[in-house]
Amino acid sequence: MLEFGQPQKTDAPTDLIRDVEETTFMAEVVEASMTTPVIVDFWAPWCGPCKTLGPQLEQAVTAAKGAVKMAKVDVDRNQQIAAQLQIQSIPTVYAFWQGKPVDGFQGAVSANEVAEFVKRTAALGGGAEDDGLAEAVTAAEEMLDNGEAVDAAQTFAAVLGEEPENVAAYGGLIRAHLALGELDQAEVLIGDAPAAIAASAEVEAARAQLVLARQATNAGPVAELMAAVEAAPDDHQTRFDLAAALLANGETEAAVDQLLDLFRRDREWNDGAARTQLFTIFDALKPTDPIVLKGRRRLSSMIFA
C-alpha cells in the first residue's frame, strides 16, 4: 500500500536506484559517477509533478540495465545539498558524470523526454565503438604517453576522419596539441567541438588542461614563493601563486595541498578561487587518479563540515 504523499515506487534494483542523503551524497553520486553516470532526482513529498516524474525516471533507468544509476534526494530532508547545487524548484533532475553535473532539466516532462534524457546520460559512460577505431585510439593514447605527440595527433586525426564525433579521439587530439605546446590550436579545437560532444568529459578535461597550461606560462619560481608563504601564511594570493608554480613544475599533489589549505583558511577568498582551481585540476586529471579521489574527499569534508 502506498503511503500518502510519497511518490509511487517501482521494484527497481537497489544497486541502481537509491535514496541518498547528505551523508551518502559524496559516495553515491560524486564518487559513483566517476565510473557510471548518475541521475539525481531532487523531489519532495508535497511535490505533485514529482509523483509522476520519479517513477518514469526509475523505469527508464531500470531499462538501461546498469548503464546509468539513479539517486533520489528529498530536498526537505537534505537542504544543504539543495543549497549547494542551487536547486530553485522541484522536480529538478541532474545528470552527474565524473564527479560533476553535466546535464539536467526542471519541471515535468513527457515520458519520451525522460527516456531520451536517460539514454543521453547513459551514453556519457561510453557506447559501442567500431573495434578498429577503438584500437587506433588506444594506440594513439600510448603514443601520447610515450611522448610521441606528433604521431598521436596524426592517429587521432585519422580516427576523426572516419568518425568526426568520436569523443575519445577528439579529446586526444586536443591533448596532443597541448603536449606540443600548441595552445592556440587546442583552443580552436575546443571551440569547434561538435555539439554532440562539446560537453563531454573528454572535451571538458582538455579544456581544463588548456586553462592550466596557460597559467603555467606565467608561473613564478617555486622556491621563492614557498619562502614567501612560510613567512606570511595568510597571504592568500602568494599561496595561490605557489600552487600554480607547483602545478607547472609537475608537483600536482603538492599544488592540491596548497589549494586545500587556502580553502580551509578562507573559502570565499577571491570569489572562491581556491575551489575553482581545485575543480579545474580535478577535471584535467583522470577521474580515477588517486590525487583526484583524495582531493575531492578532503574538499567535500570541508564543504559539508
Protein backbone atom coordinates (compact mmCIF):
# COMPACT_ATOMS: atom_id res chain seq x y z
CA MET A 1 0.00 0.00 0.00
CA LEU A 2 1.32 3.43 -0.92
CA GLU A 3 1.98 5.92 1.83
CA PHE A 4 0.05 9.12 1.24
CA GLY A 5 2.16 11.95 -0.11
CA GLN A 6 5.03 9.75 -1.33
CA PRO A 7 5.91 9.09 -4.98
CA GLN A 8 4.96 5.71 -6.28
CA LYS A 9 7.88 3.33 -6.02
CA THR A 10 8.93 0.74 -8.55
CA ASP A 11 10.61 -2.58 -7.87
CA ALA A 12 13.92 -1.18 -9.06
CA PRO A 13 17.20 -2.91 -8.13
CA THR A 14 18.67 -1.26 -5.04
CA ASP A 15 22.11 -1.10 -6.68
CA LEU A 16 20.73 1.10 -9.47
CA ILE A 17 18.24 3.35 -7.65
CA ARG A 18 18.86 4.60 -4.14
CA ASP A 19 17.62 7.19 -1.68
CA VAL A 20 20.57 9.46 -0.96
CA GLU A 21 21.19 11.81 1.95
CA GLU A 22 23.83 14.41 2.79
CA THR A 23 26.00 11.78 4.47
CA THR A 24 25.97 9.49 1.43
CA PHE A 25 25.83 12.00 -1.43
CA MET A 26 29.60 12.05 -1.95
CA ALA A 27 29.88 8.28 -2.22
CA GLU A 28 26.60 7.50 -4.02
CA VAL A 29 26.70 10.38 -6.52
CA VAL A 30 30.06 12.13 -6.85
CA GLU A 31 32.34 9.11 -6.48
CA ALA A 32 29.94 6.67 -8.13
CA SER A 33 29.69 8.92 -11.20
CA MET A 34 33.41 8.51 -11.81
CA THR A 35 32.65 5.20 -13.49
CA THR A 36 28.88 5.19 -14.16
CA PRO A 37 26.65 8.20 -14.92
CA VAL A 38 24.27 9.01 -12.06
CA ILE A 39 20.90 10.74 -12.46
CA VAL A 40 19.89 12.72 -9.37
CA ASP A 41 16.18 13.33 -8.82
CA PHE A 42 15.53 16.21 -6.40
CA TRP A 43 11.97 15.82 -5.08
CA ALA A 44 9.76 16.38 -2.03
CA PRO A 45 6.70 14.54 -0.64
CA TRP A 46 4.42 17.55 -1.30
CA CYS A 47 5.50 17.95 -4.95
CA GLY A 48 2.74 16.79 -7.31
CA PRO A 49 4.78 16.51 -10.54
CA CYS A 50 7.44 14.56 -8.63
CA LYS A 51 4.97 11.73 -8.13
CA THR A 52 4.79 11.21 -11.89
CA LEU A 53 8.36 12.02 -12.86
CA GLY A 54 10.02 9.82 -10.24
CA PRO A 55 8.53 6.51 -11.42
CA GLN A 56 9.18 7.47 -15.07
CA LEU A 57 12.84 8.01 -14.29
CA GLU A 58 13.06 4.78 -12.31
CA GLN A 59 11.52 2.82 -15.17
CA ALA A 60 13.90 4.29 -17.75
CA VAL A 61 16.94 3.79 -15.51
CA THR A 62 15.98 0.17 -14.86
CA ALA A 63 15.55 -0.39 -18.61
CA ALA A 64 19.10 0.89 -19.17
CA LYS A 65 20.33 -2.25 -17.36
CA GLY A 66 23.21 -0.74 -15.40
CA ALA A 67 24.41 1.84 -17.92
CA VAL A 68 23.20 4.57 -15.57
CA LYS A 69 22.30 4.82 -11.88
CA MET A 70 19.77 6.99 -10.05
CA ALA A 71 19.90 8.82 -6.74
CA LYS A 72 16.76 10.27 -5.13
CA VAL A 73 17.22 13.30 -2.87
CA ASP A 74 14.38 14.57 -0.69
CA VAL A 75 15.12 18.32 -0.59
CA ASP A 76 13.17 18.77 2.65
CA ARG A 77 15.45 16.34 4.44
CA ASN A 78 18.65 17.39 2.64
CA GLN A 79 18.50 21.15 2.41
CA GLN A 80 22.28 21.61 2.45
CA ILE A 81 22.72 19.60 -0.75
CA ALA A 82 19.88 21.51 -2.40
CA ALA A 83 21.51 24.80 -1.42
CA GLN A 84 24.96 23.71 -2.64
CA LEU A 85 23.55 22.80 -6.06
CA GLN A 86 21.30 25.87 -6.15
CA ILE A 87 18.05 23.94 -6.53
CA GLN A 88 15.43 26.65 -7.06
CA SER A 89 12.37 24.49 -7.80
CA ILE A 90 11.35 20.86 -7.98
CA PRO A 91 11.33 18.50 -9.59
CA THR A 92 14.89 19.16 -10.70
CA VAL A 93 16.95 16.41 -12.31
CA TYR A 94 20.72 16.46 -12.81
CA ALA A 95 22.97 14.03 -14.63
CA PHE A 96 26.34 13.59 -12.89
CA TRP A 97 29.31 12.26 -14.80
CA GLN A 98 32.85 12.03 -13.43
CA GLY A 99 32.04 13.97 -10.32
CA LYS A 100 30.03 16.90 -11.62
CA PRO A 101 26.62 17.78 -13.09
CA VAL A 102 26.76 17.84 -16.89
CA ASP A 103 23.10 17.89 -17.91
CA GLY A 104 19.67 18.37 -16.38
CA PHE A 105 16.17 19.79 -16.51
CA GLN A 106 13.47 21.25 -14.27
CA GLY A 107 9.76 20.56 -14.08
CA ALA A 108 7.61 17.81 -15.50
CA VAL A 109 8.46 16.48 -18.96
CA SER A 110 6.95 13.82 -21.19
CA ALA A 111 7.78 10.14 -20.84
CA ASN A 112 9.58 10.27 -24.19
CA GLU A 113 11.72 13.17 -22.97
CA VAL A 114 12.54 11.25 -19.81
CA ALA A 115 13.59 8.21 -21.83
CA GLU A 116 15.73 10.37 -24.11
CA PHE A 117 17.39 12.08 -21.14
CA VAL A 118 18.25 8.73 -19.56
CA LYS A 119 19.55 7.42 -22.88
CA ARG A 120 21.69 10.53 -23.34
CA THR A 121 23.04 10.23 -19.80
CA ALA A 122 23.84 6.53 -20.19
CA ALA A 123 25.80 7.35 -23.35
CA LEU A 124 28.18 9.51 -21.29
CA GLY A 125 29.65 6.32 -19.89
CA GLY A 126 30.58 5.10 -23.35
CA GLY A 127 28.78 3.22 -26.04
CA ALA A 128 29.57 0.75 -28.74
CA GLU A 129 32.54 1.79 -30.85
CA ASP A 130 33.97 0.34 -34.02
CA ASP A 131 36.68 -2.09 -32.82
CA GLY A 132 39.24 -0.82 -35.32
CA LEU A 133 38.74 2.80 -34.34
CA ALA A 134 38.86 1.91 -30.66
CA GLU A 135 42.18 0.14 -31.18
CA ALA A 136 43.54 3.15 -33.07
CA VAL A 137 42.53 5.46 -30.22
CA THR A 138 44.24 3.15 -27.71
CA ALA A 139 47.39 3.13 -29.83
CA ALA A 140 47.35 6.92 -30.09
CA GLU A 141 46.99 7.23 -26.32
CA GLU A 142 50.06 5.04 -25.89
CA MET A 143 51.98 7.27 -28.31
CA LEU A 144 50.96 10.32 -26.31
CA ASP A 145 52.05 8.67 -23.05
CA ASN A 146 55.41 7.87 -24.64
CA GLY A 147 55.99 11.45 -25.74
CA GLU A 148 55.20 10.81 -29.40
CA ALA A 149 52.73 13.67 -29.64
CA VAL A 150 53.06 14.25 -33.39
CA ASP A 151 52.29 10.62 -34.23
CA ALA A 152 49.46 10.61 -31.70
CA ALA A 153 47.92 13.72 -33.25
CA GLN A 154 48.04 12.16 -36.70
CA THR A 155 46.37 8.98 -35.46
CA PHE A 156 43.65 10.84 -33.58
CA ALA A 157 43.01 12.96 -36.68
CA ALA A 158 42.72 9.84 -38.83
CA VAL A 159 40.10 8.39 -36.48
CA LEU A 160 38.15 11.64 -36.61
CA GLY A 161 38.27 11.44 -40.40
CA GLU A 162 36.26 8.24 -40.09
CA GLU A 163 34.10 9.29 -37.15
CA PRO A 164 34.02 13.08 -36.58
CA GLU A 165 32.17 12.77 -33.26
CA ASN A 166 34.47 10.15 -31.73
CA VAL A 167 34.82 11.81 -28.35
CA ALA A 168 37.92 9.87 -27.25
CA ALA A 169 39.79 10.82 -30.43
CA TYR A 170 38.66 14.44 -30.26
CA GLY A 171 39.81 14.83 -26.66
CA GLY A 172 43.04 13.04 -27.51
CA LEU A 173 43.76 15.36 -30.43
CA ILE A 174 43.34 18.40 -28.19
CA ARG A 175 45.69 16.90 -25.61
CA ALA A 176 48.23 16.12 -28.32
CA HIS A 177 48.31 19.79 -29.34
CA LEU A 178 48.69 20.75 -25.69
CA ALA A 179 51.63 18.36 -25.37
CA LEU A 180 53.22 20.04 -28.40
CA GLY A 181 52.75 23.46 -26.81
CA GLU A 182 50.23 24.44 -29.48
CA LEU A 183 47.82 26.09 -27.07
CA ASP A 184 46.05 28.26 -29.64
CA GLN A 185 45.32 25.27 -31.86
CA ALA A 186 43.99 23.35 -28.86
CA GLU A 187 41.71 26.26 -28.01
CA VAL A 188 40.36 26.35 -31.57
CA LEU A 189 39.56 22.64 -31.41
CA ILE A 190 37.74 23.08 -28.10
CA GLY A 191 35.69 25.93 -29.53
CA ASP A 192 34.86 23.96 -32.68
CA ALA A 193 33.89 20.72 -30.93
CA PRO A 194 30.73 19.17 -32.45
CA ALA A 195 27.64 19.95 -30.38
CA ALA A 196 27.11 16.26 -29.60
CA ILE A 197 30.42 16.01 -27.72
CA ALA A 198 31.15 19.61 -26.72
CA ALA A 199 30.07 18.98 -23.11
CA SER A 200 31.66 15.54 -22.86
CA ALA A 201 34.06 14.68 -20.06
CA GLU A 202 36.92 14.29 -22.56
CA VAL A 203 36.50 17.75 -24.02
CA GLU A 204 35.94 19.30 -20.60
CA ALA A 205 39.14 17.64 -19.36
CA ALA A 206 41.05 19.09 -22.31
CA ARG A 207 39.53 22.49 -21.62
CA ALA A 208 40.75 22.31 -18.01
CA GLN A 209 44.21 21.24 -19.19
CA LEU A 210 44.33 24.25 -21.51
CA VAL A 211 43.50 26.60 -18.63
CA LEU A 212 46.29 25.09 -16.54
CA ALA A 213 48.74 25.18 -19.45
CA ARG A 214 48.13 28.90 -19.96
CA GLN A 215 48.58 29.52 -16.24
CA ALA A 216 51.87 27.62 -16.31
CA THR A 217 53.38 30.12 -18.75
CA ASN A 218 53.13 32.80 -16.05
CA ALA A 219 54.10 30.68 -13.04
CA GLY A 220 56.74 32.06 -10.69
CA PRO A 221 59.73 30.35 -9.04
CA VAL A 222 58.66 27.67 -6.56
CA ALA A 223 61.47 28.27 -4.03
CA GLU A 224 60.80 31.99 -3.72
CA LEU A 225 57.04 31.54 -3.44
CA MET A 226 57.45 28.77 -0.85
CA ALA A 227 59.64 31.03 1.27
CA ALA A 228 57.13 33.86 0.97
CA VAL A 229 54.24 31.60 2.09
CA GLU A 230 56.24 30.34 5.05
CA ALA A 231 56.95 33.95 6.05
CA ALA A 232 53.31 35.03 5.62
CA PRO A 233 50.94 32.05 5.84
CA ASP A 234 47.84 34.24 5.49
CA ASP A 235 48.99 35.83 2.23
CA HIS A 236 46.36 34.06 0.14
CA GLN A 237 47.47 35.38 -3.24
CA THR A 238 51.02 34.16 -2.72
CA ARG A 239 49.77 30.73 -1.65
CA PHE A 240 47.57 30.61 -4.75
CA ASP A 241 50.58 31.57 -6.91
CA LEU A 242 52.66 28.89 -5.19
CA ALA A 243 50.05 26.27 -6.11
CA ALA A 244 50.23 27.41 -9.75
CA ALA A 245 54.02 27.20 -9.72
CA LEU A 246 53.98 23.73 -8.18
CA LEU A 247 51.50 22.60 -10.79
CA ALA A 248 53.64 23.99 -13.61
CA ASN A 249 56.58 22.12 -12.07
CA GLY A 250 54.68 18.82 -12.21
CA GLU A 251 54.06 18.69 -8.45
CA THR A 252 50.30 18.26 -8.75
CA GLU A 253 49.63 16.74 -5.34
CA ALA A 254 51.58 19.50 -3.60
CA ALA A 255 49.61 22.09 -5.56
CA VAL A 256 46.34 20.50 -4.47
CA ASP A 257 47.54 20.50 -0.85
CA GLN A 258 48.25 24.24 -1.01
CA LEU A 259 44.85 24.99 -2.54
CA LEU A 260 43.07 22.89 0.07
CA ASP A 261 44.96 24.77 2.78
CA LEU A 262 43.90 28.06 1.17
CA PHE A 263 40.27 26.89 1.03
CA ARG A 264 40.44 25.89 4.69
CA ARG A 265 41.77 29.32 5.65
CA ASP A 266 39.29 31.36 3.58
CA ARG A 267 36.91 29.54 1.25
CA GLU A 268 35.42 32.80 -0.06
CA TRP A 269 38.73 34.47 -0.94
CA ASN A 270 38.74 35.96 -4.43
CA ASP A 271 35.24 34.64 -5.19
CA GLY A 272 36.13 31.09 -4.20
CA ALA A 273 39.26 30.94 -6.37
CA ALA A 274 40.77 28.02 -4.45
CA ARG A 275 37.77 25.78 -5.02
CA THR A 276 37.51 26.81 -8.67
CA GLN A 277 41.17 26.00 -9.23
CA LEU A 278 40.82 22.66 -7.47
CA PHE A 279 37.93 21.68 -9.72
CA THR A 280 39.96 22.73 -12.76
CA ILE A 281 42.79 20.43 -11.67
CA PHE A 282 40.39 17.57 -10.93
CA ASP A 283 38.76 17.99 -14.33
CA ALA A 284 42.14 17.94 -16.06
CA LEU A 285 43.18 14.63 -14.48
CA LYS A 286 41.70 11.19 -14.94
CA PRO A 287 38.71 10.71 -12.62
CA THR A 288 40.32 7.65 -11.04
CA ASP A 289 43.62 9.41 -10.34
CA PRO A 290 44.45 8.99 -6.62
CA ILE A 291 45.14 12.72 -6.39
CA VAL A 292 41.62 13.43 -7.63
CA LEU A 293 39.93 10.91 -5.36
CA LYS A 294 41.82 12.04 -2.27
CA GLY A 295 41.45 15.73 -3.12
CA ARG A 296 37.71 15.52 -3.74
CA ARG A 297 37.20 13.68 -0.45
CA ARG A 298 39.15 16.28 1.51
CA LEU A 299 37.37 19.17 -0.20
CA SER A 300 33.96 17.64 0.38
CA SER A 301 34.73 17.07 4.05
CA MET A 302 35.44 20.80 4.34
CA ILE A 303 32.39 21.88 2.36
CA PHE A 304 29.95 19.73 4.30
CA ALA A 305 31.64 20.10 7.66
